[in-house]
Each structure stands twice: as structure tokens, then as C-alpha cells.
Amino acid sequence: MIVLTGPTAVGKGTVEAKLRSKHPEVWVSVSATTRDSRPGERNGINYWFVSEASFAAMEQRGEFLETALVHNMAHYGTPLQPVLDHLKQGIPTILEIDLQGAHRVRERAKELNLDVVYVFLAPPSFDDLIRRLASRGTENEEQRKKRLATARVELASEGEFDVVIVNDTVEHAADVMWNVIAKEYNL
């Protein structure tokens, strides 16, 4: 299993989409979240958009591999059973999650006997990250400030990861990501 993480606006979703367009055999887990959907996002495709009450009930039933409160704004979680099902079938599996989630997966992976490669997607520079976040246009100024403060902390942790990929171009980052997957799954 591959855990892909990186700071806000680094392009995790864009790199993952490019990778899947070239390698449709890769399965990316769909996280549940309590945040509102962004324009163009679809329930069950980009995320499972759920209420706080539904999320809490799922968490209480042990349905998540990991959960995290991100940017002190919304809960995110990776549904456990679909991940286990895809791994059992030998399907290349990616979890695109935040740093907190990656830490929780690291804890749970030992308990569940999961083989995991941890990948950190980094921006070419912090200024580049600021530009990407602003150009997205999906957050107000206060939300951008919170996300950038979190991003500074996340960037400081890249040394904890097995692989660091600099997202200088989406094409290059997706190709490097595929090389990591191919090595992990002997493809």
C-alpha cells in the first residue's frame, strides 16, 4: 500500500488523477469527510461527504483505518474495509491523506500487518505553495492562513517519509509515483 501525503495545495489530487489516467489499475481510497464539497467534487468519487454525526458513528463502529481533524475545520477518515479488500486482491492501493492520517496509518499498519510505503509530495518552494493555494480560489483569507500555517509544519516532516517527490510538474511527479508503485507491487 502507498500512503501519499503532502501539504495543502501541493497537488496530491492532481498528481493522483494524472497517475490514474495513465494507470487505471491503481485504486485510490475514497476518504470520508465532514467538510463541504468544492465545485466539481462528487460524493463517492472524490470523497464521501457525511455529517459530523454520521462520521462519529462510523468512527465508534471502528470503520476507519485512520481519522484526523484537519486544519481544525473538518474530520477526514479512510474507510478500512475497502482498503483491506483491495489489498487482499493484490490491487495497487493508494491512500491520499494528510500528515496526521499518515501518522495514524503508521501506527495501525503494524497492528494490521500492512506493508506500507510512505510518500511525501513536496512543492518546489513555499512561495509556489502560496501561489497554488491562492489560485485554487476555494478558501477565504482566514482559511488560507490556517492552511499555510499547517503546511509549514507538514513540510518540516518530509524527512519521516520513505520517498519524497517534488511536484515540479504533474507529469514528472505522476511518473515518479508510478515508479514507486511498480517497485512496491513488482509490476
N, C-alpha and C. Protein backbone atom coordinates (compact mmCIF):
# COMPACT_ATOMS: atom_id res chain seq x y z
N MET A 1 0.85 -1.17 0.00
CA MET A 1 0.00 0.00 0.00
C MET A 1 0.90 1.23 0.00
N ILE A 2 0.44 2.26 -0.68
CA ILE A 2 1.16 3.53 -0.74
C ILE A 2 0.35 4.58 -0.01
N VAL A 3 0.99 5.29 0.91
CA VAL A 3 0.37 6.44 1.56
C VAL A 3 0.99 7.68 0.96
N LEU A 4 0.16 8.50 0.32
CA LEU A 4 0.61 9.74 -0.31
C LEU A 4 0.11 10.91 0.53
N THR A 5 1.05 11.73 0.96
CA THR A 5 0.67 12.91 1.72
C THR A 5 1.53 14.09 1.29
N GLY A 6 1.17 15.24 1.79
CA GLY A 6 1.89 16.47 1.48
C GLY A 6 1.04 17.63 1.94
N PRO A 7 1.58 18.83 1.92
CA PRO A 7 0.84 19.98 2.41
C PRO A 7 -0.33 20.35 1.49
N THR A 8 -1.20 21.18 2.01
CA THR A 8 -2.33 21.68 1.25
C THR A 8 -1.85 22.30 -0.06
N ALA A 9 -2.62 22.11 -1.11
CA ALA A 9 -2.38 22.73 -2.43
C ALA A 9 -1.10 22.28 -3.11
N VAL A 10 -0.48 21.21 -2.63
CA VAL A 10 0.74 20.73 -3.28
C VAL A 10 0.42 20.00 -4.58
N GLY A 11 -0.84 19.57 -4.72
CA GLY A 11 -1.24 18.90 -5.96
C GLY A 11 -1.43 17.40 -5.82
N LYS A 12 -1.71 16.93 -4.61
CA LYS A 12 -1.90 15.49 -4.39
C LYS A 12 -2.99 14.94 -5.30
N GLY A 13 -4.14 15.60 -5.32
CA GLY A 13 -5.25 15.13 -6.14
C GLY A 13 -4.95 15.19 -7.62
N THR A 14 -4.25 16.23 -8.04
CA THR A 14 -3.90 16.39 -9.46
C THR A 14 -2.92 15.31 -9.90
N VAL A 15 -1.91 15.05 -9.08
CA VAL A 15 -0.93 14.01 -9.40
C VAL A 15 -1.61 12.64 -9.41
N GLU A 16 -2.45 12.40 -8.43
CA GLU A 16 -3.18 11.12 -8.35
C GLU A 16 -4.08 10.94 -9.58
N ALA A 17 -4.76 11.99 -10.02
CA ALA A 17 -5.62 11.90 -11.21
C ALA A 17 -4.80 11.61 -12.47
N LYS A 18 -3.65 12.25 -12.61
CA LYS A 18 -2.77 12.01 -13.76
C LYS A 18 -2.27 10.56 -13.73
N LEU A 19 -1.88 10.11 -12.56
CA LEU A 19 -1.41 8.73 -12.40
C LEU A 19 -2.50 7.73 -12.80
N ARG A 20 -3.72 7.96 -12.34
CA ARG A 20 -4.82 7.04 -12.66
C ARG A 20 -5.20 7.10 -14.13
N SER A 21 -5.02 8.25 -14.77
CA SER A 21 -5.34 8.33 -16.20
C SER A 21 -4.36 7.48 -17.01
N LYS A 22 -3.14 7.36 -16.52
CA LYS A 22 -2.12 6.55 -17.20
C LYS A 22 -2.13 5.09 -16.75
N HIS A 23 -2.57 4.86 -15.52
CA HIS A 23 -2.54 3.53 -14.92
C HIS A 23 -3.86 3.27 -14.19
N PRO A 24 -4.92 2.97 -14.93
CA PRO A 24 -6.23 2.80 -14.30
C PRO A 24 -6.32 1.60 -13.36
N GLU A 25 -5.32 0.74 -13.38
CA GLU A 25 -5.33 -0.41 -12.47
C GLU A 25 -5.05 -0.01 -11.02
N VAL A 26 -4.59 1.22 -10.80
CA VAL A 26 -4.33 1.71 -9.45
C VAL A 26 -5.65 2.12 -8.82
N TRP A 27 -5.86 1.71 -7.56
CA TRP A 27 -7.06 2.08 -6.82
C TRP A 27 -6.69 3.10 -5.75
N VAL A 28 -7.44 4.19 -5.70
CA VAL A 28 -7.23 5.22 -4.68
C VAL A 28 -8.42 5.21 -3.74
N SER A 29 -8.12 5.05 -2.47
CA SER A 29 -9.17 5.03 -1.45
C SER A 29 -9.93 6.35 -1.45
N VAL A 30 -11.23 6.27 -1.26
CA VAL A 30 -12.08 7.46 -1.16
C VAL A 30 -12.32 7.73 0.32
N SER A 31 -11.83 8.86 0.80
CA SER A 31 -11.96 9.23 2.20
C SER A 31 -13.36 9.77 2.49
N ALA A 32 -13.76 9.62 3.74
CA ALA A 32 -14.98 10.28 4.22
C ALA A 32 -14.56 11.61 4.84
N THR A 33 -15.41 12.62 4.70
CA THR A 33 -15.11 13.92 5.30
C THR A 33 -16.39 14.63 5.72
N THR A 34 -16.22 15.50 6.71
CA THR A 34 -17.35 16.31 7.17
C THR A 34 -17.32 17.71 6.54
N ARG A 35 -16.32 17.99 5.71
CA ARG A 35 -16.27 19.32 5.10
C ARG A 35 -17.27 19.40 3.94
N ASP A 36 -17.60 20.63 3.56
CA ASP A 36 -18.47 20.84 2.41
C ASP A 36 -17.72 20.48 1.13
N SER A 37 -18.46 20.06 0.13
CA SER A 37 -17.82 19.74 -1.15
C SER A 37 -17.42 21.02 -1.87
N ARG A 38 -16.36 20.90 -2.67
CA ARG A 38 -15.91 22.01 -3.51
C ARG A 38 -16.57 21.87 -4.87
N PRO A 39 -16.58 22.94 -5.66
CA PRO A 39 -17.17 22.84 -7.00
C PRO A 39 -16.54 21.70 -7.80
N GLY A 40 -17.38 20.88 -8.39
CA GLY A 40 -16.91 19.77 -9.22
C GLY A 40 -16.69 18.47 -8.47
N GLU A 41 -16.65 18.50 -7.14
CA GLU A 41 -16.47 17.26 -6.38
C GLU A 41 -17.78 16.50 -6.31
N ARG A 42 -17.64 15.16 -6.38
CA ARG A 42 -18.83 14.31 -6.35
C ARG A 42 -18.75 13.31 -5.21
N ASN A 43 -19.88 13.13 -4.53
CA ASN A 43 -19.96 12.19 -3.42
C ASN A 43 -19.67 10.78 -3.91
N GLY A 44 -18.77 10.10 -3.20
CA GLY A 44 -18.41 8.73 -3.56
C GLY A 44 -17.31 8.64 -4.60
N ILE A 45 -17.00 9.75 -5.25
CA ILE A 45 -15.92 9.79 -6.25
C ILE A 45 -14.71 10.49 -5.64
N ASN A 46 -14.90 11.73 -5.21
CA ASN A 46 -13.80 12.49 -4.61
C ASN A 46 -13.71 12.23 -3.11
N TYR A 47 -14.84 12.25 -2.46
CA TYR A 47 -14.96 11.98 -1.03
C TYR A 47 -16.34 11.41 -0.78
N TRP A 48 -16.49 10.80 0.40
CA TRP A 48 -17.81 10.51 0.94
C TRP A 48 -18.12 11.69 1.86
N PHE A 49 -19.06 12.54 1.47
CA PHE A 49 -19.40 13.71 2.27
C PHE A 49 -20.47 13.29 3.28
N VAL A 50 -20.11 13.37 4.57
CA VAL A 50 -21.01 12.89 5.62
C VAL A 50 -21.15 13.96 6.70
N SER A 51 -22.20 13.83 7.49
CA SER A 51 -22.42 14.76 8.60
C SER A 51 -21.46 14.41 9.75
N GLU A 52 -21.32 15.34 10.67
CA GLU A 52 -20.50 15.09 11.87
C GLU A 52 -21.04 13.87 12.63
N ALA A 53 -22.37 13.77 12.74
CA ALA A 53 -22.97 12.66 13.47
C ALA A 53 -22.69 11.32 12.79
N SER A 54 -22.81 11.27 11.47
CA SER A 54 -22.52 10.03 10.74
C SER A 54 -21.05 9.65 10.88
N PHE A 55 -20.18 10.63 10.78
CA PHE A 55 -18.74 10.37 10.91
C PHE A 55 -18.44 9.79 12.30
N ALA A 56 -18.99 10.41 13.32
CA ALA A 56 -18.76 9.95 14.70
C ALA A 56 -19.26 8.52 14.88
N ALA A 57 -20.42 8.20 14.29
CA ALA A 57 -20.96 6.84 14.40
C ALA A 57 -20.06 5.84 13.69
N MET A 58 -19.57 6.19 12.51
CA MET A 58 -18.66 5.31 11.77
C MET A 58 -17.38 5.08 12.57
N GLU A 59 -16.89 6.15 13.18
CA GLU A 59 -15.66 6.04 13.97
C GLU A 59 -15.89 5.13 15.19
N GLN A 60 -17.03 5.29 15.83
CA GLN A 60 -17.34 4.49 17.01
C GLN A 60 -17.46 3.00 16.65
N ARG A 61 -17.94 2.71 15.44
CA ARG A 61 -18.08 1.31 14.99
C ARG A 61 -16.75 0.73 14.50
N GLY A 62 -15.68 1.54 14.49
CA GLY A 62 -14.38 1.04 14.06
C GLY A 62 -14.24 0.88 12.56
N GLU A 63 -14.97 1.69 11.79
CA GLU A 63 -14.98 1.55 10.34
C GLU A 63 -13.83 2.26 9.63
N PHE A 64 -12.98 2.97 10.37
CA PHE A 64 -11.90 3.73 9.74
C PHE A 64 -10.53 3.12 10.02
N LEU A 65 -9.67 3.18 9.03
CA LEU A 65 -8.25 2.86 9.22
C LEU A 65 -7.59 3.98 10.00
N GLU A 66 -7.96 5.21 9.68
CA GLU A 66 -7.43 6.39 10.35
C GLU A 66 -8.43 7.51 10.25
N THR A 67 -8.36 8.43 11.21
CA THR A 67 -9.16 9.65 11.16
C THR A 67 -8.30 10.82 11.61
N ALA A 68 -8.69 12.00 11.20
CA ALA A 68 -7.97 13.21 11.60
C ALA A 68 -8.89 14.41 11.51
N LEU A 69 -8.66 15.36 12.41
CA LEU A 69 -9.29 16.68 12.32
C LEU A 69 -8.27 17.56 11.61
N VAL A 70 -8.61 18.02 10.42
CA VAL A 70 -7.65 18.72 9.56
C VAL A 70 -7.91 20.22 9.58
N HIS A 71 -6.86 20.99 9.79
CA HIS A 71 -6.91 22.46 9.85
C HIS A 71 -7.90 22.94 10.90
N ASN A 72 -8.20 22.10 11.88
CA ASN A 72 -9.20 22.40 12.90
C ASN A 72 -10.54 22.80 12.30
N MET A 73 -10.82 22.24 11.10
CA MET A 73 -12.05 22.63 10.41
C MET A 73 -12.96 21.45 10.08
N ALA A 74 -12.40 20.30 9.72
CA ALA A 74 -13.23 19.19 9.26
C ALA A 74 -12.55 17.86 9.58
N HIS A 75 -13.38 16.84 9.79
CA HIS A 75 -12.86 15.49 10.02
C HIS A 75 -12.71 14.76 8.69
N TYR A 76 -11.67 13.95 8.61
CA TYR A 76 -11.42 13.09 7.46
C TYR A 76 -11.13 11.69 7.99
N GLY A 77 -11.49 10.68 7.22
CA GLY A 77 -11.18 9.31 7.62
C GLY A 77 -11.12 8.39 6.42
N THR A 78 -10.28 7.35 6.53
CA THR A 78 -10.14 6.35 5.47
C THR A 78 -10.95 5.12 5.86
N PRO A 79 -12.01 4.79 5.12
CA PRO A 79 -12.76 3.57 5.41
C PRO A 79 -11.85 2.34 5.31
N LEU A 80 -11.86 1.51 6.34
CA LEU A 80 -10.94 0.39 6.44
C LEU A 80 -11.25 -0.76 5.48
N GLN A 81 -12.48 -1.21 5.43
CA GLN A 81 -12.79 -2.44 4.69
C GLN A 81 -12.45 -2.37 3.20
N PRO A 82 -12.77 -1.28 2.49
CA PRO A 82 -12.38 -1.24 1.08
C PRO A 82 -10.87 -1.35 0.88
N VAL A 83 -10.09 -0.76 1.78
CA VAL A 83 -8.63 -0.86 1.68
C VAL A 83 -8.20 -2.31 1.83
N LEU A 84 -8.70 -2.98 2.85
CA LEU A 84 -8.33 -4.38 3.07
C LEU A 84 -8.76 -5.25 1.90
N ASP A 85 -9.95 -4.99 1.35
CA ASP A 85 -10.44 -5.78 0.21
C ASP A 85 -9.52 -5.64 -1.00
N HIS A 86 -9.11 -4.42 -1.32
CA HIS A 86 -8.25 -4.20 -2.48
C HIS A 86 -6.85 -4.77 -2.26
N LEU A 87 -6.32 -4.63 -1.06
CA LEU A 87 -5.01 -5.20 -0.77
C LEU A 87 -5.04 -6.72 -0.89
N LYS A 88 -6.11 -7.33 -0.40
CA LYS A 88 -6.25 -8.79 -0.47
C LYS A 88 -6.25 -9.28 -1.92
N GLN A 89 -6.79 -8.46 -2.82
CA GLN A 89 -6.83 -8.82 -4.24
C GLN A 89 -5.53 -8.48 -4.97
N GLY A 90 -4.58 -7.87 -4.27
CA GLY A 90 -3.30 -7.51 -4.88
C GLY A 90 -3.36 -6.29 -5.77
N ILE A 91 -4.39 -5.48 -5.61
CA ILE A 91 -4.57 -4.28 -6.43
C ILE A 91 -3.72 -3.15 -5.86
N PRO A 92 -2.90 -2.48 -6.71
CA PRO A 92 -2.12 -1.34 -6.21
C PRO A 92 -3.04 -0.30 -5.56
N THR A 93 -2.77 -0.02 -4.30
CA THR A 93 -3.67 0.79 -3.48
C THR A 93 -2.95 2.02 -2.95
N ILE A 94 -3.59 3.18 -3.13
CA ILE A 94 -3.05 4.45 -2.64
C ILE A 94 -4.04 5.07 -1.66
N LEU A 95 -3.50 5.56 -0.56
CA LEU A 95 -4.26 6.40 0.36
C LEU A 95 -3.71 7.80 0.21
N GLU A 96 -4.52 8.72 -0.27
CA GLU A 96 -4.14 10.13 -0.39
C GLU A 96 -4.70 10.84 0.83
N ILE A 97 -3.82 11.07 1.83
CA ILE A 97 -4.28 11.58 3.11
C ILE A 97 -3.33 12.65 3.63
N ASP A 98 -3.75 13.33 4.70
CA ASP A 98 -2.91 14.38 5.28
C ASP A 98 -1.87 13.76 6.23
N LEU A 99 -1.01 14.61 6.75
CA LEU A 99 0.09 14.16 7.61
C LEU A 99 -0.41 13.44 8.86
N GLN A 100 -1.44 13.99 9.51
CA GLN A 100 -1.99 13.32 10.70
C GLN A 100 -2.44 11.91 10.36
N GLY A 101 -3.13 11.79 9.24
CA GLY A 101 -3.61 10.48 8.80
C GLY A 101 -2.47 9.52 8.53
N ALA A 102 -1.40 10.03 7.92
CA ALA A 102 -0.23 9.18 7.65
C ALA A 102 0.38 8.66 8.95
N HIS A 103 0.43 9.52 9.96
CA HIS A 103 0.95 9.08 11.26
C HIS A 103 0.06 8.00 11.86
N ARG A 104 -1.24 8.16 11.73
CA ARG A 104 -2.16 7.16 12.28
C ARG A 104 -2.07 5.84 11.51
N VAL A 105 -1.91 5.92 10.19
CA VAL A 105 -1.74 4.69 9.41
C VAL A 105 -0.46 3.98 9.85
N ARG A 106 0.59 4.73 10.09
CA ARG A 106 1.85 4.13 10.54
C ARG A 106 1.62 3.32 11.82
N GLU A 107 0.84 3.87 12.73
CA GLU A 107 0.52 3.17 13.99
C GLU A 107 -0.31 1.92 13.72
N ARG A 108 -1.34 2.06 12.91
CA ARG A 108 -2.26 0.94 12.65
C ARG A 108 -1.67 -0.13 11.74
N ALA A 109 -0.74 0.25 10.86
CA ALA A 109 -0.17 -0.70 9.90
C ALA A 109 0.50 -1.87 10.61
N LYS A 110 1.17 -1.58 11.69
CA LYS A 110 1.82 -2.66 12.46
C LYS A 110 0.77 -3.60 13.03
N GLU A 111 -0.25 -3.03 13.61
CA GLU A 111 -1.33 -3.81 14.22
C GLU A 111 -2.04 -4.69 13.18
N LEU A 112 -2.22 -4.16 11.96
CA LEU A 112 -2.93 -4.88 10.90
C LEU A 112 -1.99 -5.64 9.97
N ASN A 113 -0.69 -5.59 10.25
CA ASN A 113 0.33 -6.28 9.45
C ASN A 113 0.28 -5.84 7.98
N LEU A 114 0.26 -4.53 7.77
CA LEU A 114 0.22 -3.96 6.42
C LEU A 114 1.61 -3.51 6.00
N ASP A 115 1.97 -3.79 4.75
CA ASP A 115 3.22 -3.32 4.17
C ASP A 115 2.93 -1.97 3.51
N VAL A 116 3.58 -0.91 3.99
CA VAL A 116 3.26 0.44 3.53
C VAL A 116 4.52 1.19 3.12
N VAL A 117 4.43 1.91 2.00
CA VAL A 117 5.46 2.85 1.58
C VAL A 117 4.86 4.25 1.75
N TYR A 118 5.57 5.10 2.49
CA TYR A 118 5.09 6.45 2.79
C TYR A 118 5.76 7.44 1.85
N VAL A 119 4.93 8.16 1.07
CA VAL A 119 5.42 9.10 0.05
C VAL A 119 4.97 10.51 0.42
N PHE A 120 5.91 11.45 0.39
CA PHE A 120 5.62 12.86 0.67
C PHE A 120 5.75 13.64 -0.62
N LEU A 121 4.67 14.32 -1.01
CA LEU A 121 4.69 15.18 -2.19
C LEU A 121 5.00 16.60 -1.73
N ALA A 122 6.11 17.14 -2.23
CA ALA A 122 6.58 18.46 -1.79
C ALA A 122 6.49 19.47 -2.93
N PRO A 123 6.26 20.74 -2.60
CA PRO A 123 6.28 21.78 -3.62
C PRO A 123 7.73 22.16 -3.95
N PRO A 124 7.96 22.75 -5.12
CA PRO A 124 9.31 23.22 -5.42
C PRO A 124 9.78 24.28 -4.42
N SER A 125 8.84 25.09 -3.90
CA SER A 125 9.17 26.11 -2.90
C SER A 125 7.89 26.47 -2.13
N PHE A 126 8.06 27.11 -0.98
CA PHE A 126 6.90 27.54 -0.21
C PHE A 126 6.12 28.62 -0.96
N ASP A 127 6.83 29.49 -1.66
CA ASP A 127 6.16 30.52 -2.47
C ASP A 127 5.26 29.89 -3.52
N ASP A 128 5.73 28.79 -4.10
CA ASP A 128 4.93 28.08 -5.09
C ASP A 128 3.64 27.55 -4.44
N LEU A 129 3.75 27.05 -3.22
CA LEU A 129 2.59 26.55 -2.49
C LEU A 129 1.59 27.68 -2.24
N ILE A 130 2.08 28.84 -1.85
CA ILE A 130 1.21 30.01 -1.62
C ILE A 130 0.45 30.36 -2.91
N ARG A 131 1.16 30.38 -4.03
CA ARG A 131 0.52 30.69 -5.32
C ARG A 131 -0.55 29.66 -5.67
N ARG A 132 -0.23 28.39 -5.48
CA ARG A 132 -1.19 27.33 -5.82
C ARG A 132 -2.46 27.45 -4.98
N LEU A 133 -2.29 27.70 -3.69
CA LEU A 133 -3.44 27.81 -2.81
C LEU A 133 -4.30 29.01 -3.19
N ALA A 134 -3.68 30.13 -3.48
CA ALA A 134 -4.42 31.33 -3.87
C ALA A 134 -5.14 31.13 -5.19
N SER A 135 -4.48 30.46 -6.15
CA SER A 135 -5.09 30.28 -7.47
C SER A 135 -6.26 29.30 -7.45
N ARG A 136 -6.29 28.44 -6.43
CA ARG A 136 -7.40 27.50 -6.31
C ARG A 136 -8.72 28.23 -6.11
N GLY A 137 -8.67 29.31 -5.32
CA GLY A 137 -9.85 30.14 -5.11
C GLY A 137 -10.97 29.46 -4.34
N THR A 138 -10.64 28.43 -3.55
CA THR A 138 -11.68 27.70 -2.83
C THR A 138 -11.73 28.05 -1.35
N GLU A 139 -10.78 28.85 -0.87
CA GLU A 139 -10.72 29.21 0.54
C GLU A 139 -10.70 30.72 0.69
N ASN A 140 -11.28 31.20 1.80
CA ASN A 140 -11.18 32.63 2.09
C ASN A 140 -9.82 32.91 2.73
N GLU A 141 -9.54 34.17 3.02
CA GLU A 141 -8.22 34.56 3.55
C GLU A 141 -7.90 33.86 4.87
N GLU A 142 -8.86 33.79 5.76
CA GLU A 142 -8.63 33.14 7.06
C GLU A 142 -8.31 31.65 6.87
N GLN A 143 -9.07 30.99 5.99
CA GLN A 143 -8.81 29.57 5.72
C GLN A 143 -7.43 29.37 5.09
N ARG A 144 -7.05 30.26 4.18
CA ARG A 144 -5.71 30.15 3.55
C ARG A 144 -4.61 30.28 4.60
N LYS A 145 -4.78 31.23 5.52
CA LYS A 145 -3.77 31.41 6.57
C LYS A 145 -3.64 30.15 7.43
N LYS A 146 -4.77 29.54 7.80
CA LYS A 146 -4.74 28.31 8.59
C LYS A 146 -4.04 27.19 7.81
N ARG A 147 -4.39 27.06 6.55
CA ARG A 147 -3.80 26.00 5.72
C ARG A 147 -2.30 26.21 5.54
N LEU A 148 -1.87 27.45 5.36
CA LEU A 148 -0.44 27.71 5.19
C LEU A 148 0.33 27.49 6.49
N ALA A 149 -0.28 27.80 7.63
CA ALA A 149 0.37 27.52 8.91
C ALA A 149 0.55 26.01 9.09
N THR A 150 -0.47 25.25 8.74
CA THR A 150 -0.38 23.79 8.80
C THR A 150 0.68 23.29 7.82
N ALA A 151 0.71 23.88 6.63
CA ALA A 151 1.67 23.46 5.60
C ALA A 151 3.11 23.61 6.07
N ARG A 152 3.41 24.68 6.80
CA ARG A 152 4.77 24.87 7.31
C ARG A 152 5.18 23.71 8.22
N VAL A 153 4.27 23.29 9.08
CA VAL A 153 4.54 22.16 9.97
C VAL A 153 4.71 20.87 9.16
N GLU A 154 3.82 20.67 8.20
CA GLU A 154 3.88 19.45 7.38
C GLU A 154 5.18 19.38 6.59
N LEU A 155 5.62 20.48 6.02
CA LEU A 155 6.86 20.49 5.24
C LEU A 155 8.07 20.11 6.09
N ALA A 156 8.03 20.46 7.35
CA ALA A 156 9.15 20.14 8.24
C ALA A 156 9.25 18.64 8.52
N SER A 157 8.22 17.88 8.19
CA SER A 157 8.20 16.45 8.50
C SER A 157 8.56 15.56 7.31
N GLU A 158 8.94 16.15 6.18
CA GLU A 158 9.17 15.32 4.99
C GLU A 158 10.25 14.26 5.22
N GLY A 159 11.17 14.50 6.15
CA GLY A 159 12.22 13.53 6.44
C GLY A 159 11.72 12.23 7.04
N GLU A 160 10.47 12.20 7.50
CA GLU A 160 9.88 10.99 8.08
C GLU A 160 9.44 9.98 7.01
N PHE A 161 9.48 10.37 5.75
CA PHE A 161 8.89 9.57 4.69
C PHE A 161 9.92 8.74 3.94
N ASP A 162 9.46 7.62 3.39
CA ASP A 162 10.33 6.71 2.63
C ASP A 162 10.78 7.35 1.32
N VAL A 163 9.87 8.11 0.70
CA VAL A 163 10.13 8.72 -0.60
C VAL A 163 9.60 10.15 -0.57
N VAL A 164 10.39 11.09 -1.10
CA VAL A 164 9.94 12.47 -1.27
C VAL A 164 9.94 12.77 -2.76
N ILE A 165 8.79 13.22 -3.27
CA ILE A 165 8.66 13.59 -4.68
C ILE A 165 8.39 15.09 -4.74
N VAL A 166 9.21 15.82 -5.48
CA VAL A 166 8.98 17.25 -5.67
C VAL A 166 8.04 17.41 -6.87
N ASN A 167 6.91 18.05 -6.63
CA ASN A 167 5.91 18.24 -7.68
C ASN A 167 6.27 19.48 -8.51
N ASP A 168 7.34 19.34 -9.29
CA ASP A 168 7.73 20.44 -10.18
C ASP A 168 6.83 20.47 -11.40
N THR A 169 6.49 19.30 -11.94
CA THR A 169 5.44 19.19 -12.96
C THR A 169 4.59 17.98 -12.61
N VAL A 170 3.32 18.05 -12.94
CA VAL A 170 2.40 16.96 -12.64
C VAL A 170 2.84 15.69 -13.34
N GLU A 171 3.23 15.81 -14.59
CA GLU A 171 3.66 14.65 -15.38
C GLU A 171 4.83 13.93 -14.71
N HIS A 172 5.84 14.70 -14.32
CA HIS A 172 7.02 14.11 -13.68
C HIS A 172 6.66 13.46 -12.34
N ALA A 173 5.89 14.17 -11.52
CA ALA A 173 5.51 13.63 -10.21
C ALA A 173 4.70 12.35 -10.36
N ALA A 174 3.78 12.30 -11.33
CA ALA A 174 2.99 11.09 -11.56
C ALA A 174 3.87 9.93 -12.02
N ASP A 175 4.86 10.22 -12.87
CA ASP A 175 5.77 9.18 -13.33
C ASP A 175 6.62 8.63 -12.19
N VAL A 176 7.11 9.49 -11.33
CA VAL A 176 7.89 9.04 -10.17
C VAL A 176 7.00 8.22 -9.24
N MET A 177 5.77 8.68 -9.05
CA MET A 177 4.83 7.94 -8.21
C MET A 177 4.60 6.54 -8.77
N TRP A 178 4.44 6.43 -10.09
CA TRP A 178 4.25 5.12 -10.72
C TRP A 178 5.47 4.23 -10.47
N ASN A 179 6.66 4.80 -10.54
CA ASN A 179 7.86 4.00 -10.29
C ASN A 179 7.86 3.44 -8.87
N VAL A 180 7.39 4.21 -7.91
CA VAL A 180 7.29 3.75 -6.52
C VAL A 180 6.29 2.59 -6.45
N ILE A 181 5.15 2.75 -7.09
CA ILE A 181 4.12 1.71 -7.09
C ILE A 181 4.63 0.45 -7.77
N ALA A 182 5.24 0.61 -8.94
CA ALA A 182 5.75 -0.55 -9.69
C ALA A 182 6.76 -1.33 -8.87
N LYS A 183 7.61 -0.63 -8.14
CA LYS A 183 8.60 -1.31 -7.30
C LYS A 183 7.91 -2.04 -6.14
N GLU A 184 6.96 -1.39 -5.49
CA GLU A 184 6.27 -1.98 -4.34
C GLU A 184 5.45 -3.21 -4.74
N TYR A 185 4.84 -3.16 -5.91
CA TYR A 185 3.95 -4.25 -6.35
C TYR A 185 4.61 -5.17 -7.37
N ASN A 186 5.90 -5.00 -7.61
CA ASN A 186 6.64 -5.83 -8.57
C ASN A 186 5.97 -5.85 -9.94
N LEU A 187 5.64 -4.68 -10.45
CA LEU A 187 4.95 -4.57 -11.75
C LEU A 187 5.94 -4.27 -12.87
